[in-house]
Amino acid sequence: MLMLLIGIAASAQQKNKNAKYDIAVSGNCDMCKKRIEKAAFAIPGVKSAQWHADDQILHVILNEEKTSAEKVAAGIAKAGHDAGGIRAADADYNALHGCCQYERKAP
């Protein structure tokens, strides 16, 4: 009985190697799409990343043993796009091409 409980506790602490997350990411166009997805794939552990302009959502599959949704959002914010509640630095946002400068919400 004790071995069964230890086995269950150990398996409950394992991280998902194919965790799915939806992250809100601001952007406008196909250039944004390429930049957002490239920034996501630059994070080790990201297996899939697809951003859709119509709903402003990045659908990502990642290995939780290597990264987290928060790290992915932070990487995208460094590329200039507000993501998952993380606001891009003004310098990163201002470096975006004119058509990629989406309307930002007040901090």
PDB file of N, CA and C in Angstrom:
ATOM      1  N   MET A   1       0.830  -1.196   0.000  1.00  0.00           N
ATOM      2  CA  MET A   1       0.000   0.000   0.000  1.00  0.00           C
ATOM      3  C   MET A   1       0.872   1.257   0.000  1.00  0.00           C
ATOM      4  N   LEU A   2       1.920   1.262   0.824  1.00  0.00           N
ATOM      5  CA  LEU A   2       2.823   2.406   0.907  1.00  0.00           C
ATOM      6  C   LEU A   2       3.528   2.635  -0.426  1.00  0.00           C
ATOM      7  N   MET A   3       3.942   1.564  -1.094  1.00  0.00           N
ATOM      8  CA  MET A   3       4.620   1.689  -2.387  1.00  0.00           C
ATOM      9  C   MET A   3       3.676   2.283  -3.437  1.00  0.00           C
ATOM     10  N   LEU A   4       2.424   1.906  -3.367  1.00  0.00           N
ATOM     11  CA  LEU A   4       1.441   2.455  -4.296  1.00  0.00           C
ATOM     12  C   LEU A   4       1.289   3.962  -4.097  1.00  0.00           C
ATOM     13  N   LEU A   5       1.208   4.420  -2.872  1.00  0.00           N
ATOM     14  CA  LEU A   5       1.086   5.849  -2.581  1.00  0.00           C
ATOM     15  C   LEU A   5       2.324   6.622  -3.014  1.00  0.00           C
ATOM     16  N   ILE A   6       3.503   6.048  -2.800  1.00  0.00           N
ATOM     17  CA  ILE A   6       4.747   6.703  -3.218  1.00  0.00           C
ATOM     18  C   ILE A   6       4.775   6.819  -4.747  1.00  0.00           C
ATOM     19  N   GLY A   7       4.350   5.765  -5.439  1.00  0.00           N
ATOM     20  CA  GLY A   7       4.308   5.790  -6.902  1.00  0.00           C
ATOM     21  C   GLY A   7       3.348   6.831  -7.434  1.00  0.00           C
ATOM     22  N   ILE A   8       2.209   6.957  -6.821  1.00  0.00           N
ATOM     23  CA  ILE A   8       1.222   7.954  -7.241  1.00  0.00           C
ATOM     24  C   ILE A   8       1.746   9.364  -6.989  1.00  0.00           C
ATOM     25  N   ALA A   9       2.365   9.591  -5.841  1.00  0.00           N
ATOM     26  CA  ALA A   9       2.909  10.915  -5.519  1.00  0.00           C
ATOM     27  C   ALA A   9       4.026  11.291  -6.480  1.00  0.00           C
ATOM     28  N   ALA A  10       4.876  10.347  -6.828  1.00  0.00           N
ATOM     29  CA  ALA A  10       5.984  10.630  -7.742  1.00  0.00           C
ATOM     30  C   ALA A  10       5.464  10.953  -9.136  1.00  0.00           C
ATOM     31  N   SER A  11       4.458  10.233  -9.609  1.00  0.00           N
ATOM     32  CA  SER A  11       3.944  10.499 -10.946  1.00  0.00           C
ATOM     33  C   SER A  11       3.177  11.819 -11.000  1.00  0.00           C
ATOM     34  N   ALA A  12       2.590  12.244  -9.909  1.00  0.00           N
ATOM     35  CA  ALA A  12       1.846  13.502  -9.881  1.00  0.00           C
ATOM     36  C   ALA A  12       2.780  14.704 -10.003  1.00  0.00           C
ATOM     37  N   GLN A  13       4.048  14.542  -9.653  1.00  0.00           N
ATOM     38  CA  GLN A  13       4.988  15.650  -9.686  1.00  0.00           C
ATOM     39  C   GLN A  13       5.710  15.756 -11.030  1.00  0.00           C
ATOM     40  N   GLN A  14       5.514  14.789 -11.919  1.00  0.00           N
ATOM     41  CA  GLN A  14       6.152  14.836 -13.213  1.00  0.00           C
ATOM     42  C   GLN A  14       5.547  15.953 -14.046  1.00  0.00           C
ATOM     43  N   LYS A  15       6.411  16.596 -14.817  1.00  0.00           N
ATOM     44  CA  LYS A  15       5.938  17.681 -15.665  1.00  0.00           C
ATOM     45  C   LYS A  15       5.572  17.140 -17.037  1.00  0.00           C
ATOM     46  N   ASN A  16       4.639  17.794 -17.673  1.00  0.00           N
ATOM     47  CA  ASN A  16       4.112  17.372 -18.957  1.00  0.00           C
ATOM     48  C   ASN A  16       5.083  17.732 -20.075  1.00  0.00           C
ATOM     49  N   LYS A  17       5.416  16.759 -20.906  1.00  0.00           N
ATOM     50  CA  LYS A  17       6.333  16.997 -22.021  1.00  0.00           C
ATOM     51  C   LYS A  17       5.619  17.548 -23.249  1.00  0.00           C
ATOM     52  N   ASN A  18       4.304  17.565 -23.232  1.00  0.00           N
ATOM     53  CA  ASN A  18       3.509  18.104 -24.336  1.00  0.00           C
ATOM     54  C   ASN A  18       2.375  18.967 -23.797  1.00  0.00           C
ATOM     55  N   ALA A  19       2.726  19.935 -22.964  1.00  0.00           N
ATOM     56  CA  ALA A  19       1.721  20.813 -22.360  1.00  0.00           C
ATOM     57  C   ALA A  19       1.254  21.837 -23.390  1.00  0.00           C
ATOM     58  N   LYS A  20      -0.057  22.065 -23.425  1.00  0.00           N
ATOM     59  CA  LYS A  20      -0.645  23.021 -24.368  1.00  0.00           C
ATOM     60  C   LYS A  20      -1.064  24.278 -23.614  1.00  0.00           C
ATOM     61  N   TYR A  21      -0.701  25.427 -24.169  1.00  0.00           N
ATOM     62  CA  TYR A  21      -1.063  26.708 -23.581  1.00  0.00           C
ATOM     63  C   TYR A  21      -1.550  27.643 -24.673  1.00  0.00           C
ATOM     64  N   ASP A  22      -2.433  28.538 -24.319  1.00  0.00           N
ATOM     65  CA  ASP A  22      -2.864  29.639 -25.179  1.00  0.00           C
ATOM     66  C   ASP A  22      -2.421  30.917 -24.492  1.00  0.00           C
ATOM     67  N   ILE A  23      -1.614  31.714 -25.197  1.00  0.00           N
ATOM     68  CA  ILE A  23      -1.056  32.946 -24.637  1.00  0.00           C
ATOM     69  C   ILE A  23      -1.547  34.113 -25.480  1.00  0.00           C
ATOM     70  N   ALA A  24      -2.131  35.110 -24.843  1.00  0.00           N
ATOM     71  CA  ALA A  24      -2.568  36.311 -25.554  1.00  0.00           C
ATOM     72  C   ALA A  24      -1.323  37.105 -25.954  1.00  0.00           C
ATOM     73  N   VAL A  25      -1.207  37.402 -27.259  1.00  0.00           N
ATOM     74  CA  VAL A  25      -0.055  38.144 -27.780  1.00  0.00           C
ATOM     75  C   VAL A  25      -0.571  39.204 -28.744  1.00  0.00           C
ATOM     76  N   SER A  26      -0.190  40.452 -28.508  1.00  0.00           N
ATOM     77  CA  SER A  26      -0.634  41.563 -29.363  1.00  0.00           C
ATOM     78  C   SER A  26       0.214  41.649 -30.624  1.00  0.00           C
ATOM     79  N   GLY A  27      -0.446  41.911 -31.745  1.00  0.00           N
ATOM     80  CA  GLY A  27       0.233  42.063 -33.022  1.00  0.00           C
ATOM     81  C   GLY A  27      -0.777  42.421 -34.090  1.00  0.00           C
ATOM     82  N   ASN A  28      -0.297  42.615 -35.328  1.00  0.00           N
ATOM     83  CA  ASN A  28      -1.169  43.064 -36.410  1.00  0.00           C
ATOM     84  C   ASN A  28      -1.135  42.228 -37.674  1.00  0.00           C
ATOM     85  N   CYS A  29       0.036  41.782 -38.095  1.00  0.00           N
ATOM     86  CA  CYS A  29       0.179  41.323 -39.476  1.00  0.00           C
ATOM     87  C   CYS A  29       1.018  40.048 -39.586  1.00  0.00           C
ATOM     88  N   ASP A  30       1.305  39.668 -40.835  1.00  0.00           N
ATOM     89  CA  ASP A  30       2.127  38.481 -41.077  1.00  0.00           C
ATOM     90  C   ASP A  30       3.563  38.661 -40.596  1.00  0.00           C
ATOM     91  N   MET A  31       4.083  39.884 -40.649  1.00  0.00           N
ATOM     92  CA  MET A  31       5.429  40.113 -40.097  1.00  0.00           C
ATOM     93  C   MET A  31       5.416  39.869 -38.589  1.00  0.00           C
ATOM     94  N   CYS A  32       4.351  40.283 -37.932  1.00  0.00           N
ATOM     95  CA  CYS A  32       4.206  40.028 -36.495  1.00  0.00           C
ATOM     96  C   CYS A  32       4.172  38.524 -36.244  1.00  0.00           C
ATOM     97  N   LYS A  33       3.386  37.819 -37.048  1.00  0.00           N
ATOM     98  CA  LYS A  33       3.247  36.369 -36.904  1.00  0.00           C
ATOM     99  C   LYS A  33       4.619  35.703 -36.955  1.00  0.00           C
ATOM    100  N   LYS A  34       5.409  36.046 -37.949  1.00  0.00           N
ATOM    101  CA  LYS A  34       6.743  35.451 -38.089  1.00  0.00           C
ATOM    102  C   LYS A  34       7.619  35.773 -36.885  1.00  0.00           C
ATOM    103  N   ARG A  35       7.590  37.027 -36.441  1.00  0.00           N
ATOM    104  CA  ARG A  35       8.422  37.457 -35.312  1.00  0.00           C
ATOM    105  C   ARG A  35       7.996  36.768 -34.019  1.00  0.00           C
ATOM    106  N   ILE A  36       6.701  36.692 -33.776  1.00  0.00           N
ATOM    107  CA  ILE A  36       6.170  36.078 -32.556  1.00  0.00           C
ATOM    108  C   ILE A  36       6.517  34.592 -32.520  1.00  0.00           C
ATOM    109  N   GLU A  37       6.267  33.900 -33.624  1.00  0.00           N
ATOM    110  CA  GLU A  37       6.558  32.465 -33.665  1.00  0.00           C
ATOM    111  C   GLU A  37       8.059  32.197 -33.567  1.00  0.00           C
ATOM    112  N   LYS A  38       8.870  33.023 -34.206  1.00  0.00           N
ATOM    113  CA  LYS A  38      10.328  32.865 -34.124  1.00  0.00           C
ATOM    114  C   LYS A  38      10.803  33.057 -32.687  1.00  0.00           C
ATOM    115  N   ALA A  39      10.264  34.057 -32.012  1.00  0.00           N
ATOM    116  CA  ALA A  39      10.639  34.301 -30.610  1.00  0.00           C
ATOM    117  C   ALA A  39      10.229  33.133 -29.720  1.00  0.00           C
ATOM    118  N   ALA A  40       9.069  32.548 -29.995  1.00  0.00           N
ATOM    119  CA  ALA A  40       8.615  31.398 -29.207  1.00  0.00           C
ATOM    120  C   ALA A  40       9.525  30.199 -29.435  1.00  0.00           C
ATOM    121  N   PHE A  41       9.846  29.916 -30.690  1.00  0.00           N
ATOM    122  CA  PHE A  41      10.699  28.768 -31.000  1.00  0.00           C
ATOM    123  C   PHE A  41      12.132  28.952 -30.492  1.00  0.00           C
ATOM    124  N   ALA A  42      12.535  30.185 -30.218  1.00  0.00           N
ATOM    125  CA  ALA A  42      13.881  30.434 -29.683  1.00  0.00           C
ATOM    126  C   ALA A  42      14.007  29.985 -28.226  1.00  0.00           C
ATOM    127  N   ILE A  43      12.887  29.715 -27.567  1.00  0.00           N
ATOM    128  CA  ILE A  43      12.895  29.265 -26.178  1.00  0.00           C
ATOM    129  C   ILE A  43      13.053  27.743 -26.183  1.00  0.00           C
ATOM    130  N   PRO A  44      14.135  27.216 -25.580  1.00  0.00           N
ATOM    131  CA  PRO A  44      14.309  25.765 -25.542  1.00  0.00           C
ATOM    132  C   PRO A  44      13.122  25.088 -24.856  1.00  0.00           C
ATOM    133  N   GLY A  45      12.612  24.048 -25.493  1.00  0.00           N
ATOM    134  CA  GLY A  45      11.482  23.316 -24.947  1.00  0.00           C
ATOM    135  C   GLY A  45      10.176  23.588 -25.665  1.00  0.00           C
ATOM    136  N   VAL A  46      10.142  24.604 -26.527  1.00  0.00           N
ATOM    137  CA  VAL A  46       8.929  24.891 -27.304  1.00  0.00           C
ATOM    138  C   VAL A  46       8.902  23.952 -28.500  1.00  0.00           C
ATOM    139  N   LYS A  47       7.816  23.202 -28.630  1.00  0.00           N
ATOM    140  CA  LYS A  47       7.682  22.223 -29.705  1.00  0.00           C
ATOM    141  C   LYS A  47       6.827  22.740 -30.858  1.00  0.00           C
ATOM    142  N   SER A  48       5.850  23.561 -30.556  1.00  0.00           N
ATOM    143  CA  SER A  48       4.948  24.089 -31.576  1.00  0.00           C
ATOM    144  C   SER A  48       4.494  25.472 -31.145  1.00  0.00           C
ATOM    145  N   ALA A  49       4.375  26.375 -32.116  1.00  0.00           N
ATOM    146  CA  ALA A  49       3.899  27.731 -31.829  1.00  0.00           C
ATOM    147  C   ALA A  49       3.183  28.267 -33.062  1.00  0.00           C
ATOM    148  N   GLN A  50       1.916  28.621 -32.887  1.00  0.00           N
ATOM    149  CA  GLN A  50       1.132  29.190 -33.983  1.00  0.00           C
ATOM    150  C   GLN A  50       0.352  30.378 -33.445  1.00  0.00           C
ATOM    151  N   TRP A  51       0.607  31.546 -34.050  1.00  0.00           N
ATOM    152  CA  TRP A  51      -0.086  32.770 -33.644  1.00  0.00           C
ATOM    153  C   TRP A  51      -1.108  33.123 -34.709  1.00  0.00           C
ATOM    154  N   HIS A  52      -2.282  33.562 -34.271  1.00  0.00           N
ATOM    155  CA  HIS A  52      -3.358  33.944 -35.180  1.00  0.00           C
ATOM    156  C   HIS A  52      -3.731  35.405 -34.929  1.00  0.00           C
ATOM    157  N   ALA A  53      -3.662  36.216 -35.970  1.00  0.00           N
ATOM    158  CA  ALA A  53      -3.956  37.640 -35.863  1.00  0.00           C
ATOM    159  C   ALA A  53      -5.414  37.904 -35.517  1.00  0.00           C
ATOM    160  N   ASP A  54      -6.309  37.050 -35.982  1.00  0.00           N
ATOM    161  CA  ASP A  54      -7.732  37.307 -35.767  1.00  0.00           C
ATOM    162  C   ASP A  54      -8.135  37.224 -34.299  1.00  0.00           C
ATOM    163  N   ASP A  55      -7.539  36.316 -33.542  1.00  0.00           N
ATOM    164  CA  ASP A  55      -7.899  36.227 -32.124  1.00  0.00           C
ATOM    165  C   ASP A  55      -6.768  36.642 -31.181  1.00  0.00           C
ATOM    166  N   GLN A  56      -5.609  37.011 -31.743  1.00  0.00           N
ATOM    167  CA  GLN A  56      -4.465  37.492 -30.951  1.00  0.00           C
ATOM    168  C   GLN A  56      -4.002  36.455 -29.922  1.00  0.00           C
ATOM    169  N   ILE A  57      -4.051  35.171 -30.305  1.00  0.00           N
ATOM    170  CA  ILE A  57      -3.676  34.087 -29.403  1.00  0.00           C
ATOM    171  C   ILE A  57      -2.536  33.274 -30.019  1.00  0.00           C
ATOM    172  N   LEU A  58      -1.536  32.974 -29.204  1.00  0.00           N
ATOM    173  CA  LEU A  58      -0.466  32.064 -29.578  1.00  0.00           C
ATOM    174  C   LEU A  58      -0.796  30.712 -28.965  1.00  0.00           C
ATOM    175  N   HIS A  59      -0.936  29.707 -29.822  1.00  0.00           N
ATOM    176  CA  HIS A  59      -1.171  28.343 -29.368  1.00  0.00           C
ATOM    177  C   HIS A  59       0.200  27.668 -29.335  1.00  0.00           C
ATOM    178  N   VAL A  60       0.608  27.233 -28.162  1.00  0.00           N
ATOM    179  CA  VAL A  60       1.954  26.692 -27.997  1.00  0.00           C
ATOM    180  C   VAL A  60       1.903  25.330 -27.313  1.00  0.00           C
ATOM    181  N   ILE A  61       2.788  24.448 -27.748  1.00  0.00           N
ATOM    182  CA  ILE A  61       3.007  23.166 -27.083  1.00  0.00           C
ATOM    183  C   ILE A  61       4.454  23.189 -26.619  1.00  0.00           C
ATOM    184  N   LEU A  62       4.646  22.896 -25.330  1.00  0.00           N
ATOM    185  CA  LEU A  62       5.998  22.966 -24.772  1.00  0.00           C
ATOM    186  C   LEU A  62       6.258  21.831 -23.799  1.00  0.00           C
ATOM    187  N   ASN A  63       7.530  21.606 -23.566  1.00  0.00           N
ATOM    188  CA  ASN A  63       7.984  20.619 -22.594  1.00  0.00           C
ATOM    189  C   ASN A  63       8.173  21.348 -21.270  1.00  0.00           C
ATOM    190  N   GLU A  64       7.342  21.063 -20.290  1.00  0.00           N
ATOM    191  CA  GLU A  64       7.399  21.755 -19.003  1.00  0.00           C
ATOM    192  C   GLU A  64       8.657  21.419 -18.209  1.00  0.00           C
ATOM    193  N   GLU A  65       9.385  20.386 -18.618  1.00  0.00           N
ATOM    194  CA  GLU A  65      10.655  20.078 -17.965  1.00  0.00           C
ATOM    195  C   GLU A  65      11.735  21.064 -18.393  1.00  0.00           C
ATOM    196  N   LYS A  66      11.524  21.737 -19.516  1.00  0.00           N
ATOM    197  CA  LYS A  66      12.528  22.651 -20.058  1.00  0.00           C
ATOM    198  C   LYS A  66      12.140  24.124 -19.991  1.00  0.00           C
ATOM    199  N   THR A  67      10.847  24.423 -19.996  1.00  0.00           N
ATOM    200  CA  THR A  67      10.413  25.821 -20.010  1.00  0.00           C
ATOM    201  C   THR A  67       9.007  25.947 -19.436  1.00  0.00           C
ATOM    202  N   SER A  68       8.493  27.169 -19.475  1.00  0.00           N
ATOM    203  CA  SER A  68       7.142  27.439 -18.979  1.00  0.00           C
ATOM    204  C   SER A  68       6.479  28.462 -19.900  1.00  0.00           C
ATOM    205  N   ALA A  69       5.178  28.588 -19.772  1.00  0.00           N
ATOM    206  CA  ALA A  69       4.441  29.570 -20.567  1.00  0.00           C
ATOM    207  C   ALA A  69       4.920  30.983 -20.235  1.00  0.00           C
ATOM    208  N   GLU A  70       5.290  31.220 -18.981  1.00  0.00           N
ATOM    209  CA  GLU A  70       5.790  32.535 -18.570  1.00  0.00           C
ATOM    210  C   GLU A  70       7.109  32.867 -19.268  1.00  0.00           C
ATOM    211  N   LYS A  71       7.985  31.890 -19.433  1.00  0.00           N
ATOM    212  CA  LYS A  71       9.259  32.126 -20.128  1.00  0.00           C
ATOM    213  C   LYS A  71       9.021  32.401 -21.607  1.00  0.00           C
ATOM    214  N   VAL A  72       8.057  31.717 -22.184  1.00  0.00           N
ATOM    215  CA  VAL A  72       7.715  31.964 -23.585  1.00  0.00           C
ATOM    216  C   VAL A  72       7.186  33.386 -23.737  1.00  0.00           C
ATOM    217  N   ALA A  73       6.288  33.801 -22.868  1.00  0.00           N
ATOM    218  CA  ALA A  73       5.733  35.156 -22.922  1.00  0.00           C
ATOM    219  C   ALA A  73       6.831  36.201 -22.755  1.00  0.00           C
ATOM    220  N   ALA A  74       7.769  35.947 -21.855  1.00  0.00           N
ATOM    221  CA  ALA A  74       8.871  36.893 -21.635  1.00  0.00           C
ATOM    222  C   ALA A  74       9.749  37.007 -22.884  1.00  0.00           C
ATOM    223  N   GLY A  75       9.991  35.891 -23.560  1.00  0.00           N
ATOM    224  CA  GLY A  75      10.779  35.922 -24.793  1.00  0.00           C
ATOM    225  C   GLY A  75      10.084  36.689 -25.895  1.00  0.00           C
ATOM    226  N   ILE A  76       8.788  36.542 -25.989  1.00  0.00           N
ATOM    227  CA  ILE A  76       8.021  37.272 -26.998  1.00  0.00           C
ATOM    228  C   ILE A  76       7.991  38.766 -26.667  1.00  0.00           C
ATOM    229  N   ALA A  77       7.887  39.098 -25.388  1.00  0.00           N
ATOM    230  CA  ALA A  77       7.912  40.509 -24.977  1.00  0.00           C
ATOM    231  C   ALA A  77       9.240  41.153 -25.350  1.00  0.00           C
ATOM    232  N   LYS A  78      10.335  40.407 -25.271  1.00  0.00           N
ATOM    233  CA  LYS A  78      11.648  40.941 -25.672  1.00  0.00           C
ATOM    234  C   LYS A  78      11.699  41.224 -27.161  1.00  0.00           C
ATOM    235  N   ALA A  79      10.841  40.531 -27.921  1.00  0.00           N
ATOM    236  CA  ALA A  79      10.769  40.769 -29.369  1.00  0.00           C
ATOM    237  C   ALA A  79       9.875  41.958 -29.706  1.00  0.00           C
ATOM    238  N   GLY A  80       9.225  42.555 -28.687  1.00  0.00           N
ATOM    239  CA  GLY A  80       8.441  43.767 -28.901  1.00  0.00           C
ATOM    240  C   GLY A  80       6.940  43.617 -28.793  1.00  0.00           C
ATOM    241  N   HIS A  81       6.474  42.424 -28.480  1.00  0.00           N
ATOM    242  CA  HIS A  81       5.027  42.180 -28.428  1.00  0.00           C
ATOM    243  C   HIS A  81       4.578  41.895 -26.998  1.00  0.00           C
ATOM    244  N   ASP A  82       3.552  42.616 -26.544  1.00  0.00           N
ATOM    245  CA  ASP A  82       2.970  42.345 -25.233  1.00  0.00           C
ATOM    246  C   ASP A  82       2.417  40.922 -25.260  1.00  0.00           C
ATOM    247  N   ALA A  83       2.748  40.142 -24.235  1.00  0.00           N
ATOM    248  CA  ALA A  83       2.373  38.723 -24.261  1.00  0.00           C
ATOM    249  C   ALA A  83       2.079  38.204 -22.862  1.00  0.00           C
ATOM    250  N   GLY A  84       0.939  37.559 -22.720  1.00  0.00           N
ATOM    251  CA  GLY A  84       0.617  36.883 -21.480  1.00  0.00           C
ATOM    252  C   GLY A  84       0.711  37.743 -20.244  1.00  0.00           C
ATOM    253  N   GLY A  85       0.326  38.991 -20.357  1.00  0.00           N
ATOM    254  CA  GLY A  85       0.382  39.898 -19.209  1.00  0.00           C
ATOM    255  C   GLY A  85       1.738  40.561 -19.023  1.00  0.00           C
ATOM    256  N   ILE A  86       2.704  40.241 -19.866  1.00  0.00           N
ATOM    257  CA  ILE A  86       4.033  40.871 -19.796  1.00  0.00           C
ATOM    258  C   ILE A  86       4.088  41.944 -20.872  1.00  0.00           C
ATOM    259  N   ARG A  87       4.327  43.161 -20.449  1.00  0.00           N
ATOM    260  CA  ARG A  87       4.385  44.292 -21.378  1.00  0.00           C
ATOM    261  C   ARG A  87       5.798  44.406 -21.950  1.00  0.00           C
ATOM    262  N   ALA A  88       5.887  44.510 -23.258  1.00  0.00           N
ATOM    263  CA  ALA A  88       7.182  44.696 -23.910  1.00  0.00           C
ATOM    264  C   ALA A  88       7.779  46.036 -23.488  1.00  0.00           C
ATOM    265  N   ALA A  89       9.078  46.074 -23.383  1.00  0.00           N
ATOM    266  CA  ALA A  89       9.767  47.335 -23.077  1.00  0.00           C
ATOM    267  C   ALA A  89       9.481  48.328 -24.200  1.00  0.00           C
ATOM    268  N   ASP A  90       9.365  49.605 -23.849  1.00  0.00           N
ATOM    269  CA  ASP A  90       9.055  50.627 -24.850  1.00  0.00           C
ATOM    270  C   ASP A  90      10.070  50.623 -25.990  1.00  0.00           C
ATOM    271  N   ALA A  91      11.352  50.423 -25.677  1.00  0.00           N
ATOM    272  CA  ALA A  91      12.391  50.413 -26.712  1.00  0.00           C
ATOM    273  C   ALA A  91      12.174  49.249 -27.680  1.00  0.00           C
ATOM    274  N   ASP A  92      11.777  48.078 -27.173  1.00  0.00           N
ATOM    275  CA  ASP A  92      11.525  46.925 -28.031  1.00  0.00           C
ATOM    276  C   ASP A  92      10.285  47.153 -28.890  1.00  0.00           C
ATOM    277  N   TYR A  93       9.233  47.721 -28.297  1.00  0.00           N
ATOM    278  CA  TYR A  93       8.018  48.020 -29.045  1.00  0.00           C
ATOM    279  C   TYR A  93       8.303  49.065 -30.129  1.00  0.00           C
ATOM    280  N   ASN A  94       9.029  50.120 -29.783  1.00  0.00           N
ATOM    281  CA  ASN A  94       9.326  51.188 -30.739  1.00  0.00           C
ATOM    282  C   ASN A  94      10.216  50.724 -31.880  1.00  0.00           C
ATOM    283  N   ALA A  95      10.958  49.624 -31.690  1.00  0.00           N
ATOM    284  CA  ALA A  95      11.822  49.090 -32.739  1.00  0.00           C
ATOM    285  C   ALA A  95      11.039  48.292 -33.785  1.00  0.00           C
ATOM    286  N   LEU A  96       9.763  47.991 -33.508  1.00  0.00           N
ATOM    287  CA  LEU A  96       8.939  47.271 -34.470  1.00  0.00           C
ATOM    288  C   LEU A  96       8.677  48.123 -35.705  1.00  0.00           C
ATOM    289  N   HIS A  97       8.485  47.472 -36.844  1.00  0.00           N
ATOM    290  CA  HIS A  97       8.098  48.154 -38.072  1.00  0.00           C
ATOM    291  C   HIS A  97       6.783  48.890 -37.827  1.00  0.00           C
ATOM    292  N   GLY A  98       6.533  49.968 -38.520  1.00  0.00           N
ATOM    293  CA  GLY A  98       5.341  50.791 -38.322  1.00  0.00           C
ATOM    294  C   GLY A  98       4.033  50.030 -38.375  1.00  0.00           C
ATOM    295  N   CYS A  99       3.908  49.092 -39.319  1.00  0.00           N
ATOM    296  CA  CYS A  99       2.647  48.343 -39.430  1.00  0.00           C
ATOM    297  C   CYS A  99       2.486  47.336 -38.289  1.00  0.00           C
ATOM    298  N   CYS A 100       3.566  47.046 -37.594  1.00  0.00           N
ATOM    299  CA  CYS A 100       3.523  46.073 -36.494  1.00  0.00           C
ATOM    300  C   CYS A 100       3.241  46.731 -35.143  1.00  0.00           C
ATOM    301  N   GLN A 101       3.253  48.057 -35.118  1.00  0.00           N
ATOM    302  CA  GLN A 101       3.004  48.747 -33.855  1.00  0.00           C
ATOM    303  C   GLN A 101       1.504  48.788 -33.581  1.00  0.00           C
ATOM    304  N   TYR A 102       1.070  47.793 -32.852  1.00  0.00           N
ATOM    305  CA  TYR A 102      -0.330  47.617 -32.483  1.00  0.00           C
ATOM    306  C   TYR A 102      -0.718  48.650 -31.428  1.00  0.00           C
ATOM    307  N   GLU A 103      -2.004  48.842 -31.227  1.00  0.00           N
ATOM    308  CA  GLU A 103      -2.490  49.774 -30.210  1.00  0.00           C
ATOM    309  C   GLU A 103      -2.277  49.136 -28.829  1.00  0.00           C
ATOM    310  N   ARG A 104      -1.466  49.804 -28.014  1.00  0.00           N
ATOM    311  CA  ARG A 104      -1.142  49.274 -26.686  1.00  0.00           C
ATOM    312  C   ARG A 104      -2.147  49.741 -25.653  1.00  0.00           C
ATOM    313  N   LYS A 105      -2.413  48.860 -24.713  1.00  0.00           N
ATOM    314  CA  LYS A 105      -3.274  49.212 -23.595  1.00  0.00           C
ATOM    315  C   LYS A 105      -2.426  49.917 -22.542  1.00  0.00           C
ATOM    316  N   ALA A 106      -3.046  50.816 -21.791  1.00  0.00           N
ATOM    317  CA  ALA A 106      -2.326  51.536 -20.730  1.00  0.00           C
ATOM    318  C   ALA A 106      -1.818  50.545 -19.687  1.00  0.00           C
ATOM    319  N   PRO A 107      -0.621  50.795 -19.158  1.00  0.00           N
ATOM    320  CA  PRO A 107      -0.052  49.863 -18.154  1.00  0.00           C
ATOM    321  C   PRO A 107      -0.841  49.825 -16.862  1.00  0.00           C
TER     322      PRO A 107
END
